[in-house]
């Protein structure tokens, strides 16, 4: 069973603040099961966007975890905003959390580099 999105986001923000960094909810989506996008802002003004990892990245025992993948890396804010706008047209229930830190450290978990071969989709 997966943790509710509003609780996950609240815990993420507390962890960011406890490290001395800053975080804000840019867009609030469905409280129970909205997708979470993390927008990392660096000191030089560049940004990285992390999106929910596809289901093919999960093992059966990881089904309750929230795993992320890097969608954009080291780009300007306009590119990240455009990507979020495209996602919002597809899914209006998404959350966007902006985190101002140079290192995400252990704040979010990442999927493996290669999706798992589930026997249906061949990669």
PDB file of N, CA and C in Angstrom:
ATOM      1  N   UNK A   1       0.841  -1.173   0.000  1.00  0.00           N
ATOM      2  CA  UNK A   1       0.000   0.000   0.000  1.00  0.00           C
ATOM      3  C   UNK A   1       0.892   1.243   0.000  1.00  0.00           C
ATOM      4  N   UNK A   2       0.552   2.197  -0.836  1.00  0.00           N
ATOM      5  CA  UNK A   2       1.347   3.406  -0.992  1.00  0.00           C
ATOM      6  C   UNK A   2       0.858   4.495  -0.038  1.00  0.00           C
ATOM      7  N   UNK A   3       1.804   5.252   0.481  1.00  0.00           N
ATOM      8  CA  UNK A   3       1.508   6.384   1.346  1.00  0.00           C
ATOM      9  C   UNK A   3       0.751   7.459   0.569  1.00  0.00           C
ATOM     10  N   UNK A   4      -0.234   8.070   1.193  1.00  0.00           N
ATOM     11  CA  UNK A   4      -0.989   9.144   0.541  1.00  0.00           C
ATOM     12  C   UNK A   4      -0.030  10.238   0.074  1.00  0.00           C
ATOM     13  N   UNK A   5      -0.362  10.865  -1.036  1.00  0.00           N
ATOM     14  CA  UNK A   5       0.509  11.871  -1.630  1.00  0.00           C
ATOM     15  C   UNK A   5       0.698  13.068  -0.718  1.00  0.00           C
ATOM     16  N   UNK A   6      -0.372  13.549  -0.090  1.00  0.00           N
ATOM     17  CA  UNK A   6      -0.240  14.716   0.774  1.00  0.00           C
ATOM     18  C   UNK A   6       0.691  14.445   1.953  1.00  0.00           C
ATOM     19  N   UNK A   7       0.680  13.227   2.468  1.00  0.00           N
ATOM     20  CA  UNK A   7       1.582  12.870   3.578  1.00  0.00           C
ATOM     21  C   UNK A   7       3.015  12.749   3.065  1.00  0.00           C
ATOM     22  N   UNK A   8       3.193  12.148   1.880  1.00  0.00           N
ATOM     23  CA  UNK A   8       4.530  12.041   1.286  1.00  0.00           C
ATOM     24  C   UNK A   8       5.136  13.424   1.068  1.00  0.00           C
ATOM     25  N   UNK A   9       4.362  14.344   0.501  1.00  0.00           N
ATOM     26  CA  UNK A   9       4.865  15.697   0.229  1.00  0.00           C
ATOM     27  C   UNK A   9       5.185  16.420   1.534  1.00  0.00           C
ATOM     28  N   UNK A  10       4.330  16.281   2.523  1.00  0.00           N
ATOM     29  CA  UNK A  10       4.583  16.912   3.821  1.00  0.00           C
ATOM     30  C   UNK A  10       5.885  16.396   4.441  1.00  0.00           C
ATOM     31  N   UNK A  11       6.089  15.083   4.383  1.00  0.00           N
ATOM     32  CA  UNK A  11       7.319  14.502   4.924  1.00  0.00           C
ATOM     33  C   UNK A  11       8.542  14.966   4.135  1.00  0.00           C
ATOM     34  N   UNK A  12       8.417  15.032   2.818  1.00  0.00           N
ATOM     35  CA  UNK A  12       9.517  15.516   1.979  1.00  0.00           C
ATOM     36  C   UNK A  12       9.897  16.946   2.366  1.00  0.00           C
ATOM     37  N   UNK A  13       8.905  17.788   2.533  1.00  0.00           N
ATOM     38  CA  UNK A  13       9.187  19.187   2.879  1.00  0.00           C
ATOM     39  C   UNK A  13       9.833  19.306   4.256  1.00  0.00           C
ATOM     40  N   UNK A  14       9.376  18.530   5.215  1.00  0.00           N
ATOM     41  CA  UNK A  14       9.991  18.551   6.552  1.00  0.00           C
ATOM     42  C   UNK A  14      11.457  18.134   6.496  1.00  0.00           C
ATOM     43  N   UNK A  15      11.744  17.111   5.674  1.00  0.00           N
ATOM     44  CA  UNK A  15      13.124  16.651   5.550  1.00  0.00           C
ATOM     45  C   UNK A  15      14.000  17.715   4.902  1.00  0.00           C
ATOM     46  N   UNK A  16      13.452  18.421   3.906  1.00  0.00           N
ATOM     47  CA  UNK A  16      14.209  19.499   3.251  1.00  0.00           C
ATOM     48  C   UNK A  16      14.497  20.611   4.256  1.00  0.00           C
ATOM     49  N   UNK A  17      13.476  21.037   4.984  1.00  0.00           N
ATOM     50  CA  UNK A  17      13.651  22.117   5.965  1.00  0.00           C
ATOM     51  C   UNK A  17      14.610  21.712   7.082  1.00  0.00           C
ATOM     52  N   UNK A  18      14.580  20.440   7.491  1.00  0.00           N
ATOM     53  CA  UNK A  18      15.471  20.001   8.571  1.00  0.00           C
ATOM     54  C   UNK A  18      16.936  20.031   8.142  1.00  0.00           C
ATOM     55  N   UNK A  19      17.188  19.986   6.835  1.00  0.00           N
ATOM     56  CA  UNK A  19      18.552  20.087   6.314  1.00  0.00           C
ATOM     57  C   UNK A  19      18.996  21.536   6.152  1.00  0.00           C
ATOM     58  N   UNK A  20      18.084  22.486   6.355  1.00  0.00           N
ATOM     59  CA  UNK A  20      18.417  23.891   6.194  1.00  0.00           C
ATOM     60  C   UNK A  20      18.185  24.409   4.790  1.00  0.00           C
ATOM     61  N   UNK A  21      17.532  23.620   3.946  1.00  0.00           N
ATOM     62  CA  UNK A  21      17.223  24.031   2.584  1.00  0.00           C
ATOM     63  C   UNK A  21      15.780  24.525   2.519  1.00  0.00           C
ATOM     64  N   UNK A  22      15.339  24.935   1.333  1.00  0.00           N
ATOM     65  CA  UNK A  22      14.003  25.485   1.156  1.00  0.00           C
ATOM     66  C   UNK A  22      13.196  24.626   0.196  1.00  0.00           C
ATOM     67  N   UNK A  23      11.900  24.487   0.477  1.00  0.00           N
ATOM     68  CA  UNK A  23      10.986  23.768  -0.407  1.00  0.00           C
ATOM     69  C   UNK A  23       9.635  24.449  -0.379  1.00  0.00           C
ATOM     70  N   UNK A  24       8.909  24.348  -1.478  1.00  0.00           N
ATOM     71  CA  UNK A  24       7.567  24.909  -1.566  1.00  0.00           C
ATOM     72  C   UNK A  24       6.727  24.038  -2.485  1.00  0.00           C
ATOM     73  N   UNK A  25       5.433  23.956  -2.172  1.00  0.00           N
ATOM     74  CA  UNK A  25       4.507  23.250  -3.053  1.00  0.00           C
ATOM     75  C   UNK A  25       4.068  24.243  -4.113  1.00  0.00           C
ATOM     76  N   UNK A  26       4.477  24.007  -5.337  1.00  0.00           N
ATOM     77  CA  UNK A  26       4.143  24.883  -6.460  1.00  0.00           C
ATOM     78  C   UNK A  26       2.747  24.588  -6.987  1.00  0.00           C
ATOM     79  N   UNK A  27       2.377  23.307  -6.981  1.00  0.00           N
ATOM     80  CA  UNK A  27       1.047  22.903  -7.432  1.00  0.00           C
ATOM     81  C   UNK A  27       0.592  21.730  -6.586  1.00  0.00           C
ATOM     82  N   UNK A  28      -0.635  21.821  -6.105  1.00  0.00           N
ATOM     83  CA  UNK A  28      -1.201  20.776  -5.267  1.00  0.00           C
ATOM     84  C   UNK A  28      -2.192  19.969  -6.089  1.00  0.00           C
ATOM     85  N   UNK A  29      -2.038  18.648  -6.064  1.00  0.00           N
ATOM     86  CA  UNK A  29      -2.913  17.766  -6.829  1.00  0.00           C
ATOM     87  C   UNK A  29      -3.798  16.938  -5.928  1.00  0.00           C
ATOM     88  N   UNK A  30      -4.148  15.763  -6.388  1.00  0.00           N
ATOM     89  CA  UNK A  30      -5.008  14.861  -5.627  1.00  0.00           C
ATOM     90  C   UNK A  30      -4.297  14.424  -4.348  1.00  0.00           C
ATOM     91  N   UNK A  31      -4.983  14.555  -3.221  1.00  0.00           N
ATOM     92  CA  UNK A  31      -4.362  14.264  -1.929  1.00  0.00           C
ATOM     93  C   UNK A  31      -4.062  12.788  -1.731  1.00  0.00           C
ATOM     94  N   UNK A  32      -4.879  11.924  -2.298  1.00  0.00           N
ATOM     95  CA  UNK A  32      -4.700  10.493  -2.075  1.00  0.00           C
ATOM     96  C   UNK A  32      -3.671   9.862  -3.005  1.00  0.00           C
ATOM     97  N   UNK A  33      -3.706  10.213  -4.287  1.00  0.00           N
ATOM     98  CA  UNK A  33      -2.877   9.472  -5.235  1.00  0.00           C
ATOM     99  C   UNK A  33      -2.354  10.319  -6.384  1.00  0.00           C
ATOM    100  N   UNK A  34      -2.098  11.590  -6.175  1.00  0.00           N
ATOM    101  CA  UNK A  34      -1.547  12.421  -7.244  1.00  0.00           C
ATOM    102  C   UNK A  34      -0.088  12.111  -7.505  1.00  0.00           C
ATOM    103  N   UNK A  35       0.334  12.255  -8.757  1.00  0.00           N
ATOM    104  CA  UNK A  35       1.739  12.074  -9.115  1.00  0.00           C
ATOM    105  C   UNK A  35       2.542  13.261  -8.582  1.00  0.00           C
ATOM    106  N   UNK A  36       3.771  13.012  -8.161  1.00  0.00           N
ATOM    107  CA  UNK A  36       4.627  14.054  -7.595  1.00  0.00           C
ATOM    108  C   UNK A  36       5.803  14.302  -8.533  1.00  0.00           C
ATOM    109  N   UNK A  37       5.987  15.565  -8.908  1.00  0.00           N
ATOM    110  CA  UNK A  37       7.145  15.999  -9.680  1.00  0.00           C
ATOM    111  C   UNK A  37       7.978  16.883  -8.771  1.00  0.00           C
ATOM    112  N   UNK A  38       9.290  16.667  -8.762  1.00  0.00           N
ATOM    113  CA  UNK A  38      10.198  17.448  -7.923  1.00  0.00           C
ATOM    114  C   UNK A  38      11.046  18.318  -8.837  1.00  0.00           C
ATOM    115  N   UNK A  39      10.991  19.608  -8.579  1.00  0.00           N
ATOM    116  CA  UNK A  39      11.734  20.607  -9.361  1.00  0.00           C
ATOM    117  C   UNK A  39      12.886  21.094  -8.484  1.00  0.00           C
ATOM    118  N   UNK A  40      14.107  20.691  -8.827  1.00  0.00           N
ATOM    119  CA  UNK A  40      15.288  21.065  -8.057  1.00  0.00           C
ATOM    120  C   UNK A  40      15.907  22.318  -8.668  1.00  0.00           C
ATOM    121  N   UNK A  41      16.062  23.351  -7.843  1.00  0.00           N
ATOM    122  CA  UNK A  41      16.637  24.620  -8.286  1.00  0.00           C
ATOM    123  C   UNK A  41      18.037  24.751  -7.693  1.00  0.00           C
ATOM    124  N   UNK A  42      19.006  25.015  -8.564  1.00  0.00           N
ATOM    125  CA  UNK A  42      20.392  25.170  -8.133  1.00  0.00           C
ATOM    126  C   UNK A  42      20.736  26.646  -7.957  1.00  0.00           C
ATOM    127  N   UNK A  43      21.832  26.903  -7.307  1.00  0.00           N
ATOM    128  CA  UNK A  43      22.263  28.286  -7.042  1.00  0.00           C
ATOM    129  C   UNK A  43      22.550  29.079  -8.307  1.00  0.00           C
ATOM    130  N   UNK A  44      22.978  28.395  -9.362  1.00  0.00           N
ATOM    131  CA  UNK A  44      23.295  29.099 -10.612  1.00  0.00           C
ATOM    132  C   UNK A  44      22.064  29.379 -11.471  1.00  0.00           C
ATOM    133  N   UNK A  45      20.889  28.990 -10.988  1.00  0.00           N
ATOM    134  CA  UNK A  45      19.648  29.256 -11.705  1.00  0.00           C
ATOM    135  C   UNK A  45      19.177  28.113 -12.576  1.00  0.00           C
ATOM    136  N   UNK A  46      20.022  27.105 -12.790  1.00  0.00           N
ATOM    137  CA  UNK A  46      19.589  25.955 -13.579  1.00  0.00           C
ATOM    138  C   UNK A  46      18.676  25.065 -12.731  1.00  0.00           C
ATOM    139  N   UNK A  47      17.943  24.205 -13.415  1.00  0.00           N
ATOM    140  CA  UNK A  47      16.991  23.341 -12.726  1.00  0.00           C
ATOM    141  C   UNK A  47      17.056  21.925 -13.266  1.00  0.00           C
ATOM    142  N   UNK A  48      16.612  20.989 -12.434  1.00  0.00           N
ATOM    143  CA  UNK A  48      16.463  19.595 -12.822  1.00  0.00           C
ATOM    144  C   UNK A  48      15.058  19.164 -12.431  1.00  0.00           C
ATOM    145  N   UNK A  49      14.407  18.404 -13.307  1.00  0.00           N
ATOM    146  CA  UNK A  49      13.050  17.935 -13.045  1.00  0.00           C
ATOM    147  C   UNK A  49      13.065  16.425 -12.862  1.00  0.00           C
ATOM    148  N   UNK A  50      12.493  15.982 -11.741  1.00  0.00           N
ATOM    149  CA  UNK A  50      12.356  14.567 -11.443  1.00  0.00           C
ATOM    150  C   UNK A  50      10.879  14.208 -11.528  1.00  0.00           C
ATOM    151  N   UNK A  51      10.583  13.117 -12.214  1.00  0.00           N
ATOM    152  CA  UNK A  51       9.207  12.666 -12.432  1.00  0.00           C
ATOM    153  C   UNK A  51       9.042  11.259 -11.862  1.00  0.00           C
ATOM    154  N   UNK A  52       7.800  10.849 -11.640  1.00  0.00           N
ATOM    155  CA  UNK A  52       7.589   9.471 -11.176  1.00  0.00           C
ATOM    156  C   UNK A  52       8.160   8.474 -12.181  1.00  0.00           C
ATOM    157  N   UNK A  53       8.850   7.477 -11.670  1.00  0.00           N
ATOM    158  CA  UNK A  53       9.425   6.443 -12.543  1.00  0.00           C
ATOM    159  C   UNK A  53       8.305   5.572 -13.098  1.00  0.00           C
ATOM    160  N   UNK A  54       8.465   5.082 -14.333  1.00  0.00           N
ATOM    161  CA  UNK A  54       7.454   4.186 -14.914  1.00  0.00           C
ATOM    162  C   UNK A  54       7.308   2.910 -14.099  1.00  0.00           C
ATOM    163  N   UNK A  55       6.160   2.277 -14.182  1.00  0.00           N
ATOM    164  CA  UNK A  55       5.893   1.045 -13.438  1.00  0.00           C
ATOM    165  C   UNK A  55       6.900  -0.051 -13.754  1.00  0.00           C
ATOM    166  N   UNK A  56       7.485  -0.046 -14.948  1.00  0.00           N
ATOM    167  CA  UNK A  56       8.440  -1.087 -15.317  1.00  0.00           C
ATOM    168  C   UNK A  56       9.738  -1.001 -14.509  1.00  0.00           C
ATOM    169  N   UNK A  57       9.929   0.071 -13.749  1.00  0.00           N
ATOM    170  CA  UNK A  57      11.117   0.218 -12.909  1.00  0.00           C
ATOM    171  C   UNK A  57      10.942  -0.472 -11.559  1.00  0.00           C
ATOM    172  N   UNK A  58       9.727  -0.910 -11.236  1.00  0.00           N
ATOM    173  CA  UNK A  58       9.425  -1.445  -9.918  1.00  0.00           C
ATOM    174  C   UNK A  58       9.500  -2.958  -9.884  1.00  0.00           C
ATOM    175  N   UNK A  59       9.995  -3.485  -8.776  1.00  0.00           N
ATOM    176  CA  UNK A  59       9.861  -4.909  -8.469  1.00  0.00           C
ATOM    177  C   UNK A  59       8.532  -5.085  -7.752  1.00  0.00           C
ATOM    178  N   UNK A  60       8.081  -6.300  -7.624  1.00  0.00           N
ATOM    179  CA  UNK A  60       6.810  -6.567  -6.944  1.00  0.00           C
ATOM    180  C   UNK A  60       6.847  -6.089  -5.488  1.00  0.00           C
ATOM    181  N   UNK A  61       7.984  -6.247  -4.829  1.00  0.00           N
ATOM    182  CA  UNK A  61       8.071  -5.837  -3.424  1.00  0.00           C
ATOM    183  C   UNK A  61       8.236  -4.329  -3.253  1.00  0.00           C
ATOM    184  N   UNK A  62       8.468  -3.591  -4.318  1.00  0.00           N
ATOM    185  CA  UNK A  62       8.627  -2.136  -4.257  1.00  0.00           C
ATOM    186  C   UNK A  62       7.336  -1.392  -4.594  1.00  0.00           C
ATOM    187  N   UNK A  63       6.238  -2.064  -4.723  1.00  0.00           N
ATOM    188  CA  UNK A  63       5.019  -1.450  -5.234  1.00  0.00           C
ATOM    189  C   UNK A  63       4.516  -0.288  -4.382  1.00  0.00           C
ATOM    190  N   UNK A  64       4.874  -0.217  -3.119  1.00  0.00           N
ATOM    191  CA  UNK A  64       4.424   0.864  -2.257  1.00  0.00           C
ATOM    192  C   UNK A  64       5.350   2.069  -2.236  1.00  0.00           C
ATOM    193  N   UNK A  65       6.510   1.953  -2.860  1.00  0.00           N
ATOM    194  CA  UNK A  65       7.478   3.040  -2.866  1.00  0.00           C
ATOM    195  C   UNK A  65       7.166   4.059  -3.944  1.00  0.00           C
ATOM    196  N   UNK A  66       7.669   5.261  -3.764  1.00  0.00           N
ATOM    197  CA  UNK A  66       7.641   6.278  -4.814  1.00  0.00           C
ATOM    198  C   UNK A  66       9.062   6.397  -5.344  1.00  0.00           C
ATOM    199  N   UNK A  67       9.251   5.974  -6.570  1.00  0.00           N
ATOM    200  CA  UNK A  67      10.549   6.071  -7.222  1.00  0.00           C
ATOM    201  C   UNK A  67      10.485   7.164  -8.273  1.00  0.00           C
ATOM    202  N   UNK A  68      11.602   7.828  -8.480  1.00  0.00           N
ATOM    203  CA  UNK A  68      11.674   8.936  -9.419  1.00  0.00           C
ATOM    204  C   UNK A  68      12.720   8.668 -10.479  1.00  0.00           C
ATOM    205  N   UNK A  69      12.569   9.348 -11.613  1.00  0.00           N
ATOM    206  CA  UNK A  69      13.560   9.337 -12.674  1.00  0.00           C
ATOM    207  C   UNK A  69      13.851  10.786 -13.047  1.00  0.00           C
ATOM    208  N   UNK A  70      15.036  11.031 -13.564  1.00  0.00           N
ATOM    209  CA  UNK A  70      15.403  12.368 -14.009  1.00  0.00           C
ATOM    210  C   UNK A  70      14.781  12.605 -15.374  1.00  0.00           C
ATOM    211  N   UNK A  71      13.949  13.623 -15.471  1.00  0.00           N
ATOM    212  CA  UNK A  71      13.298  13.936 -16.747  1.00  0.00           C
ATOM    213  C   UNK A  71      14.098  14.990 -17.503  1.00  0.00           C
ATOM    214  N   UNK A  72      14.540  16.043 -16.824  1.00  0.00           N
ATOM    215  CA  UNK A  72      15.397  17.086 -17.409  1.00  0.00           C
ATOM    216  C   UNK A  72      16.519  17.363 -16.424  1.00  0.00           C
ATOM    217  N   UNK A  73      17.697  17.681 -16.918  1.00  0.00           N
ATOM    218  CA  UNK A  73      18.820  17.909 -16.028  1.00  0.00           C
ATOM    219  C   UNK A  73      19.605  19.153 -16.427  1.00  0.00           C
ATOM    220  N   UNK A  74      19.788  20.080 -15.481  1.00  0.00           N
ATOM    221  CA  UNK A  74      20.611  21.264 -15.697  1.00  0.00           C
ATOM    222  C   UNK A  74      20.117  22.188 -16.786  1.00  0.00           C
ATOM    223  N   UNK A  75      18.819  22.385 -16.888  1.00  0.00           N
ATOM    224  CA  UNK A  75      18.242  23.243 -17.929  1.00  0.00           C
ATOM    225  C   UNK A  75      17.714  24.529 -17.295  1.00  0.00           C
ATOM    226  N   UNK A  76      17.259  25.450 -18.141  1.00  0.00           N
ATOM    227  CA  UNK A  76      16.721  26.696 -17.601  1.00  0.00           C
ATOM    228  C   UNK A  76      15.286  26.491 -17.105  1.00  0.00           C
ATOM    229  N   UNK A  77      14.807  27.442 -16.317  1.00  0.00           N
ATOM    230  CA  UNK A  77      13.494  27.344 -15.684  1.00  0.00           C
ATOM    231  C   UNK A  77      12.360  27.243 -16.700  1.00  0.00           C
ATOM    232  N   UNK A  78      12.501  27.897 -17.841  1.00  0.00           N
ATOM    233  CA  UNK A  78      11.451  27.873 -18.860  1.00  0.00           C
ATOM    234  C   UNK A  78      11.242  26.460 -19.406  1.00  0.00           C
ATOM    235  N   UNK A  79      12.311  25.707 -19.580  1.00  0.00           N
ATOM    236  CA  UNK A  79      12.201  24.336 -20.088  1.00  0.00           C
ATOM    237  C   UNK A  79      11.485  23.440 -19.079  1.00  0.00           C
ATOM    238  N   UNK A  80      11.785  23.630 -17.807  1.00  0.00           N
ATOM    239  CA  UNK A  80      11.117  22.843 -16.762  1.00  0.00           C
ATOM    240  C   UNK A  80       9.641  23.220 -16.694  1.00  0.00           C
ATOM    241  N   UNK A  81       9.341  24.504 -16.759  1.00  0.00           N
ATOM    242  CA  UNK A  81       7.940  24.955 -16.729  1.00  0.00           C
ATOM    243  C   UNK A  81       7.158  24.398 -17.910  1.00  0.00           C
ATOM    244  N   UNK A  82       7.769  24.384 -19.083  1.00  0.00           N
ATOM    245  CA  UNK A  82       7.105  23.841 -20.266  1.00  0.00           C
ATOM    246  C   UNK A  82       6.827  22.347 -20.109  1.00  0.00           C
ATOM    247  N   UNK A  83       7.768  21.611 -19.555  1.00  0.00           N
ATOM    248  CA  UNK A  83       7.576  20.175 -19.343  1.00  0.00           C
ATOM    249  C   UNK A  83       6.453  19.924 -18.340  1.00  0.00           C
ATOM    250  N   UNK A  84       6.405  20.719 -17.281  1.00  0.00           N
ATOM    251  CA  UNK A  84       5.340  20.569 -16.286  1.00  0.00           C
ATOM    252  C   UNK A  84       3.987  20.910 -16.899  1.00  0.00           C
ATOM    253  N   UNK A  85       3.932  21.949 -17.723  1.00  0.00           N
ATOM    254  CA  UNK A  85       2.678  22.310 -18.393  1.00  0.00           C
ATOM    255  C   UNK A  85       2.188  21.178 -19.295  1.00  0.00           C
ATOM    256  N   UNK A  86       3.106  20.522 -20.006  1.00  0.00           N
ATOM    257  CA  UNK A  86       2.718  19.385 -20.849  1.00  0.00           C
ATOM    258  C   UNK A  86       2.160  18.246 -20.006  1.00  0.00           C
ATOM    259  N   UNK A  87       2.809  17.973 -18.893  1.00  0.00           N
ATOM    260  CA  UNK A  87       2.340  16.914 -18.000  1.00  0.00           C
ATOM    261  C   UNK A  87       0.973  17.266 -17.404  1.00  0.00           C
ATOM    262  N   UNK A  88       0.785  18.539 -17.066  1.00  0.00           N
ATOM    263  CA  UNK A  88      -0.471  18.974 -16.450  1.00  0.00           C
ATOM    264  C   UNK A  88      -1.646  18.815 -17.418  1.00  0.00           C
ATOM    265  N   UNK A  89      -1.408  18.987 -18.730  1.00  0.00           N
ATOM    266  CA  UNK A  89      -2.468  18.761 -19.720  1.00  0.00           C
ATOM    267  C   UNK A  89      -2.885  17.296 -19.743  1.00  0.00           C
ATOM    268  N   UNK A  90      -1.934  16.414 -19.453  1.00  0.00           N
ATOM    269  CA  UNK A  90      -2.216  14.981 -19.421  1.00  0.00           C
ATOM    270  C   UNK A  90      -2.822  14.559 -18.082  1.00  0.00           C
ATOM    271  N   UNK A  91      -2.312  15.131 -16.984  1.00  0.00           N
ATOM    272  CA  UNK A  91      -2.739  14.742 -15.633  1.00  0.00           C
ATOM    273  C   UNK A  91      -2.889  15.990 -14.772  1.00  0.00           C
ATOM    274  N   UNK A  92      -4.104  16.438 -14.572  1.00  0.00           N
ATOM    275  CA  UNK A  92      -4.339  17.674 -13.809  1.00  0.00           C
ATOM    276  C   UNK A  92      -4.193  17.465 -12.306  1.00  0.00           C
ATOM    277  N   UNK A  93      -4.056  16.218 -11.845  1.00  0.00           N
ATOM    278  CA  UNK A  93      -3.951  15.925 -10.411  1.00  0.00           C
ATOM    279  C   UNK A  93      -2.516  15.887  -9.896  1.00  0.00           C
ATOM    280  N   UNK A  94      -1.554  16.332 -10.688  1.00  0.00           N
ATOM    281  CA  UNK A  94      -0.166  16.206 -10.266  1.00  0.00           C
ATOM    282  C   UNK A  94       0.250  17.282  -9.258  1.00  0.00           C
ATOM    283  N   UNK A  95       1.234  16.932  -8.470  1.00  0.00           N
ATOM    284  CA  UNK A  95       1.851  17.841  -7.501  1.00  0.00           C
ATOM    285  C   UNK A  95       3.197  18.268  -8.068  1.00  0.00           C
ATOM    286  N   UNK A  96       3.580  19.510  -7.785  1.00  0.00           N
ATOM    287  CA  UNK A  96       4.920  19.988  -8.133  1.00  0.00           C
ATOM    288  C   UNK A  96       5.530  20.562  -6.856  1.00  0.00           C
ATOM    289  N   UNK A  97       6.644  19.990  -6.449  1.00  0.00           N
ATOM    290  CA  UNK A  97       7.363  20.454  -5.267  1.00  0.00           C
ATOM    291  C   UNK A  97       8.684  21.037  -5.733  1.00  0.00           C
ATOM    292  N   UNK A  98       8.922  22.295  -5.406  1.00  0.00           N
ATOM    293  CA  UNK A  98      10.177  22.962  -5.746  1.00  0.00           C
ATOM    294  C   UNK A  98      11.112  22.881  -4.548  1.00  0.00           C
ATOM    295  N   UNK A  99      12.320  22.396  -4.801  1.00  0.00           N
ATOM    296  CA  UNK A  99      13.314  22.243  -3.738  1.00  0.00           C
ATOM    297  C   UNK A  99      14.548  23.032  -4.144  1.00  0.00           C
ATOM    298  N   UNK A 100      14.976  23.955  -3.287  1.00  0.00           N
ATOM    299  CA  UNK A 100      16.194  24.723  -3.536  1.00  0.00           C
ATOM    300  C   UNK A 100      17.328  24.107  -2.736  1.00  0.00           C
ATOM    301  N   UNK A 101      18.100  23.266  -3.415  1.00  0.00           N
ATOM    302  CA  UNK A 101      19.240  22.594  -2.802  1.00  0.00           C
ATOM    303  C   UNK A 101      20.187  22.152  -3.904  1.00  0.00           C
ATOM    304  N   UNK A 102      21.463  22.061  -3.573  1.00  0.00           N
ATOM    305  CA  UNK A 102      22.433  21.593  -4.558  1.00  0.00           C
ATOM    306  C   UNK A 102      22.546  20.077  -4.568  1.00  0.00           C
ATOM    307  N   UNK A 103      22.052  19.420  -3.512  1.00  0.00           N
ATOM    308  CA  UNK A 103      22.165  17.975  -3.416  1.00  0.00           C
ATOM    309  C   UNK A 103      20.879  17.407  -2.824  1.00  0.00           C
ATOM    310  N   UNK A 104      20.217  16.541  -3.584  1.00  0.00           N
ATOM    311  CA  UNK A 104      19.002  15.909  -3.055  1.00  0.00           C
ATOM    312  C   UNK A 104      19.330  14.842  -2.028  1.00  0.00           C
ATOM    313  N   UNK A 105      20.554  14.335  -2.081  1.00  0.00           N
ATOM    314  CA  UNK A 105      20.961  13.335  -1.102  1.00  0.00           C
ATOM    315  C   UNK A 105      19.991  12.175  -1.049  1.00  0.00           C
ATOM    316  N   UNK A 106      19.420  11.948   0.124  1.00  0.00           N
ATOM    317  CA  UNK A 106      18.492  10.833   0.297  1.00  0.00           C
ATOM    318  C   UNK A 106      17.042  11.316   0.416  1.00  0.00           C
ATOM    319  N   UNK A 107      16.741  12.465  -0.163  1.00  0.00           N
ATOM    320  CA  UNK A 107      15.379  13.003  -0.053  1.00  0.00           C
ATOM    321  C   UNK A 107      14.357  12.203  -0.853  1.00  0.00           C
ATOM    322  N   UNK A 108      14.742  11.740  -2.047  1.00  0.00           N
ATOM    323  CA  UNK A 108      13.850  10.918  -2.858  1.00  0.00           C
ATOM    324  C   UNK A 108      14.615   9.699  -3.353  1.00  0.00           C
ATOM    325  N   UNK A 109      13.873   8.644  -3.681  1.00  0.00           N
ATOM    326  CA  UNK A 109      14.470   7.411  -4.181  1.00  0.00           C
ATOM    327  C   UNK A 109      14.365   7.382  -5.699  1.00  0.00           C
ATOM    328  N   UNK A 110      15.388   6.857  -6.330  1.00  0.00           N
ATOM    329  CA  UNK A 110      15.427   6.789  -7.781  1.00  0.00           C
ATOM    330  C   UNK A 110      15.282   5.360  -8.262  1.00  0.00           C
ATOM    331  N   UNK A 111      14.632   5.205  -9.423  1.00  0.00           N
ATOM    332  CA  UNK A 111      14.518   3.898 -10.058  1.00  0.00           C
ATOM    333  C   UNK A 111      15.867   3.479 -10.606  1.00  0.00           C
ATOM    334  N   UNK A 112      16.005   2.221 -10.939  1.00  0.00           N
ATOM    335  CA  UNK A 112      17.256   1.738 -11.514  1.00  0.00           C
ATOM    336  C   UNK A 112      17.461   2.359 -12.886  1.00  0.00           C
ATOM    337  N   UNK A 113      18.677   2.279 -13.390  1.00  0.00           N
ATOM    338  CA  UNK A 113      19.003   2.909 -14.667  1.00  0.00           C
ATOM    339  C   UNK A 113      18.214   2.304 -15.825  1.00  0.00           C
ATOM    340  N   UNK A 114      17.962   1.016 -15.795  1.00  0.00           N
ATOM    341  CA  UNK A 114      17.240   0.336 -16.870  1.00  0.00           C
ATOM    342  C   UNK A 114      15.934  -0.229 -16.338  1.00  0.00           C
ATOM    343  N   UNK A 115      14.835  -0.039 -17.065  1.00  0.00           N
ATOM    344  CA  UNK A 115      13.570  -0.644 -16.642  1.00  0.00           C
ATOM    345  C   UNK A 115      13.669  -2.169 -16.630  1.00  0.00           C
ATOM    346  N   UNK A 116      12.871  -2.775 -15.769  1.00  0.00           N
ATOM    347  CA  UNK A 116      12.824  -4.229 -15.703  1.00  0.00           C
ATOM    348  C   UNK A 116      12.100  -4.772 -16.935  1.00  0.00           C
ATOM    349  N   UNK A 117      12.563  -5.908 -17.449  1.00  0.00           N
ATOM    350  CA  UNK A 117      11.881  -6.576 -18.551  1.00  0.00           C
ATOM    351  C   UNK A 117      10.761  -7.397 -17.938  1.00  0.00           C
ATOM    352  N   UNK A 118       9.519  -6.976 -18.183  1.00  0.00           N
ATOM    353  CA  UNK A 118       8.380  -7.644 -17.587  1.00  0.00           C
ATOM    354  C   UNK A 118       7.846  -8.769 -18.460  1.00  0.00           C
ATOM    355  N   UNK A 119       8.513  -9.075 -19.547  1.00  0.00           N
ATOM    356  CA  UNK A 119       8.083 -10.139 -20.435  1.00  0.00           C
ATOM    357  C   UNK A 119       7.080  -9.692 -21.464  1.00  0.00           C
ATOM    358  N   UNK A 120       6.496  -8.542 -21.294  1.00  0.00           N
ATOM    359  CA  UNK A 120       5.511  -8.027 -22.234  1.00  0.00           C
ATOM    360  C   UNK A 120       6.139  -6.977 -23.140  1.00  0.00           C
ATOM    361  N   UNK A 121       6.762  -5.994 -22.525  1.00  0.00           N
ATOM    362  CA  UNK A 121       7.446  -4.949 -23.292  1.00  0.00           C
ATOM    363  C   UNK A 121       8.920  -5.314 -23.372  1.00  0.00           C
ATOM    364  N   UNK A 122       9.423  -5.446 -24.545  1.00  0.00           N
ATOM    365  CA  UNK A 122      10.840  -5.769 -24.737  1.00  0.00           C
ATOM    366  C   UNK A 122      11.627  -4.493 -24.927  1.00  0.00           C
ATOM    367  N   UNK A 123      12.751  -4.395 -24.276  1.00  0.00           N
ATOM    368  CA  UNK A 123      13.585  -3.211 -24.392  1.00  0.00           C
ATOM    369  C   UNK A 123      14.893  -3.571 -25.030  1.00  0.00           C
TER     370      UNK A 123
END
